[in-house]
């Protein structure tokens, strides 16, 4: 899931900065797939919670907060994308399968169903992209610190290669 999320963020920044939207449908399709993975991840967390820290240190609380914030942002990202596509008249689909139909006029322009929700979606999507990028960089740095400095199995657990 991490690679999908990183790819989606990179593709989103590319499309926004170059105003080149030929990958828009691919971006939306993988966004829906990432959302399904996220739902599975949340169900997993319900039954297999994070390891409790041996001590209730400030660092342990900060780590728990950061993990929860990442999950919240990962929920807000597809929600805001849905607001943009669904209420913006672009429709929502997965690899050509239309889930919510688009609403284009005779000129080929999307007709928005709700201006406010569409603009809210654009605002949220951009803000969450920057926040999520910052948190992911910190998350990766922390994982590397655990692996290279602390010499523990945190990175291996994240990659699914730990024996524990």
Protein backbone atom coordinates (compact mmCIF):
# COMPACT_ATOMS: atom_id res chain seq x y z
CA UNK A 1 0.00 0.00 0.00
CA UNK A 2 2.87 2.36 0.79
CA UNK A 3 4.16 2.20 -2.78
CA UNK A 4 0.68 2.91 -4.16
CA UNK A 5 0.28 5.92 -1.86
CA UNK A 6 3.74 7.30 -2.71
CA UNK A 7 3.03 6.77 -6.41
CA UNK A 8 -0.35 8.49 -6.15
CA UNK A 9 1.11 11.49 -4.35
CA UNK A 10 3.96 11.77 -6.87
CA UNK A 11 1.56 11.46 -9.80
CA UNK A 12 -0.80 14.00 -8.24
CA UNK A 13 2.00 16.53 -7.77
CA UNK A 14 3.18 15.88 -11.33
CA UNK A 15 -0.30 16.46 -12.80
CA UNK A 16 -0.90 19.57 -10.70
CA UNK A 17 2.48 21.15 -11.43
CA UNK A 18 2.52 20.42 -15.15
CA UNK A 19 -1.24 20.79 -15.72
CA UNK A 20 -0.98 17.51 -17.59
CA UNK A 21 -3.95 15.30 -16.79
CA UNK A 22 -3.58 12.31 -19.10
CA UNK A 23 -3.04 10.10 -16.04
CA UNK A 24 -6.13 11.39 -14.21
CA UNK A 25 -8.18 8.18 -14.68
CA UNK A 26 -5.23 6.05 -13.59
CA UNK A 27 -4.78 8.30 -10.52
CA UNK A 28 -8.45 7.91 -9.60
CA UNK A 29 -8.45 4.14 -10.18
CA UNK A 30 -5.42 3.53 -7.98
CA UNK A 31 -6.90 5.95 -5.43
CA UNK A 32 -9.96 3.70 -5.14
CA UNK A 33 -7.72 0.63 -4.80
CA UNK A 34 -5.65 2.36 -2.10
CA UNK A 35 -8.91 3.16 -0.28
CA UNK A 36 -9.82 -0.53 -0.26
CA UNK A 37 -6.39 -1.42 1.12
CA UNK A 38 -6.86 1.27 3.78
CA UNK A 39 -10.19 -0.19 4.85
CA UNK A 40 -8.52 -3.61 5.17
CA UNK A 41 -5.70 -1.99 7.16
CA UNK A 42 -8.18 -0.35 9.55
CA UNK A 43 -9.99 -3.65 10.09
CA UNK A 44 -6.60 -5.29 10.73
CA UNK A 45 -5.72 -2.58 13.29
CA UNK A 46 -9.02 -3.21 15.06
CA UNK A 47 -8.06 -6.83 15.72
CA UNK A 48 -4.27 -6.40 15.90
CA UNK A 49 -3.54 -3.08 17.62
CA UNK A 50 -0.14 -1.42 17.65
CA UNK A 51 2.41 -2.79 20.09
CA UNK A 52 2.14 -1.03 23.39
CA UNK A 53 5.26 0.82 24.35
CA UNK A 54 7.09 -0.48 27.39
CA UNK A 55 6.98 3.01 28.79
CA UNK A 56 4.54 5.85 28.32
CA UNK A 57 7.22 8.25 27.16
CA UNK A 58 6.57 11.42 25.27
CA UNK A 59 8.25 9.84 22.25
CA UNK A 60 5.92 6.82 22.38
CA UNK A 61 2.87 9.10 22.52
CA UNK A 62 4.22 11.15 19.61
CA UNK A 63 4.74 8.00 17.53
CA UNK A 64 1.20 6.81 18.27
CA UNK A 65 -0.17 10.25 17.34
CA UNK A 66 1.81 10.28 14.08
CA UNK A 67 0.54 6.81 13.11
CA UNK A 68 -3.05 7.80 13.79
CA UNK A 69 -2.61 11.06 11.90
CA UNK A 70 -1.26 9.17 8.88
CA UNK A 71 -4.34 6.93 8.91
CA UNK A 72 -6.68 9.92 9.23
CA UNK A 73 -4.94 11.69 6.34
CA UNK A 74 -5.10 8.51 4.29
CA UNK A 75 -8.87 8.51 4.88
CA UNK A 76 -9.24 12.19 4.00
CA UNK A 77 -7.29 11.87 0.75
CA UNK A 78 -9.75 9.60 -1.12
CA UNK A 79 -12.71 11.37 0.48
CA UNK A 80 -11.51 14.70 -0.89
CA UNK A 81 -10.78 13.07 -4.26
CA UNK A 82 -14.35 11.77 -4.29
CA UNK A 83 -15.64 15.29 -3.59
CA UNK A 84 -13.63 16.62 -6.54
CA UNK A 85 -14.62 13.89 -8.99
CA UNK A 86 -18.13 13.08 -7.83
CA UNK A 87 -19.45 16.56 -7.15
CA UNK A 88 -17.21 18.17 -9.78
CA UNK A 89 -18.97 16.29 -12.58
CA UNK A 90 -15.95 14.17 -13.54
CA UNK A 91 -17.45 10.93 -12.28
CA UNK A 92 -15.73 8.17 -10.35
CA UNK A 93 -14.49 5.02 -12.00
CA UNK A 94 -12.03 2.19 -11.60
CA UNK A 95 -10.09 1.23 -14.73
CA UNK A 96 -12.98 2.19 -17.01
CA UNK A 97 -15.78 0.81 -14.83
CA UNK A 98 -17.95 3.84 -14.07
CA UNK A 99 -19.13 3.89 -10.44
CA UNK A 100 -20.53 7.44 -10.47
CA UNK A 101 -21.27 8.78 -13.96
CA UNK A 102 -19.62 11.92 -15.24
CA UNK A 103 -21.62 15.04 -16.10
CA UNK A 104 -20.14 16.76 -19.16
CA UNK A 105 -21.85 19.42 -21.27
CA UNK A 106 -21.87 19.57 -25.08
CA UNK A 107 -18.53 21.41 -25.02
CA UNK A 108 -16.91 18.55 -23.09
CA UNK A 109 -16.60 20.50 -19.84
CA UNK A 110 -17.58 18.95 -16.52
CA UNK A 111 -20.73 20.42 -15.02
CA UNK A 112 -20.38 20.57 -11.25
CA UNK A 113 -23.15 19.15 -9.10
CA UNK A 114 -22.10 21.19 -6.08
CA UNK A 115 -19.64 24.08 -6.33
CA UNK A 116 -18.91 24.29 -2.60
CA UNK A 117 -18.19 20.57 -2.11
CA UNK A 118 -16.03 20.49 -5.24
CA UNK A 119 -13.92 23.44 -4.07
CA UNK A 120 -13.73 21.96 -0.56
CA UNK A 121 -12.46 18.75 -2.15
CA UNK A 122 -9.74 20.60 -4.08
CA UNK A 123 -8.64 22.46 -0.93
CA UNK A 124 -8.59 19.30 1.20
CA UNK A 125 -6.85 17.18 -1.45
CA UNK A 126 -3.98 19.64 -1.83
CA UNK A 127 -3.60 20.29 1.90
CA UNK A 128 -3.70 16.60 2.79
CA UNK A 129 -1.17 15.82 0.03
CA UNK A 130 1.37 18.20 1.55
CA UNK A 131 0.70 17.06 5.13
CA UNK A 132 0.84 13.40 4.17
CA UNK A 133 4.07 13.92 2.24
CA UNK A 134 5.69 15.56 5.26
CA UNK A 135 4.52 12.80 7.60
CA UNK A 136 5.64 10.07 5.21
CA UNK A 137 9.12 11.60 4.98
CA UNK A 138 9.29 11.67 8.80
CA UNK A 139 7.93 8.11 8.95
CA UNK A 140 10.59 6.85 6.53
CA UNK A 141 13.32 8.73 8.39
CA UNK A 142 12.18 7.18 11.69
CA UNK A 143 12.16 3.70 10.15
CA UNK A 144 15.69 4.20 8.84
CA UNK A 145 16.80 5.49 12.26
CA UNK A 146 15.43 2.32 13.87
CA UNK A 147 17.22 0.16 11.31
CA UNK A 148 20.57 1.94 11.04
CA UNK A 149 21.07 3.44 14.50
CA UNK A 150 18.90 1.46 16.93
CA UNK A 151 19.53 -1.81 15.04
CA UNK A 152 16.04 -3.13 15.87
CA UNK A 153 13.55 -4.96 13.64
CA UNK A 154 11.10 -2.07 13.11
CA UNK A 155 11.89 -1.66 9.41
CA UNK A 156 11.78 -5.42 8.87
CA UNK A 157 8.35 -5.55 10.53
CA UNK A 158 7.15 -2.69 8.30
CA UNK A 159 8.37 -4.57 5.22
CA UNK A 160 6.90 -7.86 6.44
CA UNK A 161 10.26 -9.62 6.62
CA UNK A 162 10.61 -9.85 10.42
CA UNK A 163 10.47 -13.21 12.15
CA UNK A 164 8.66 -11.61 15.12
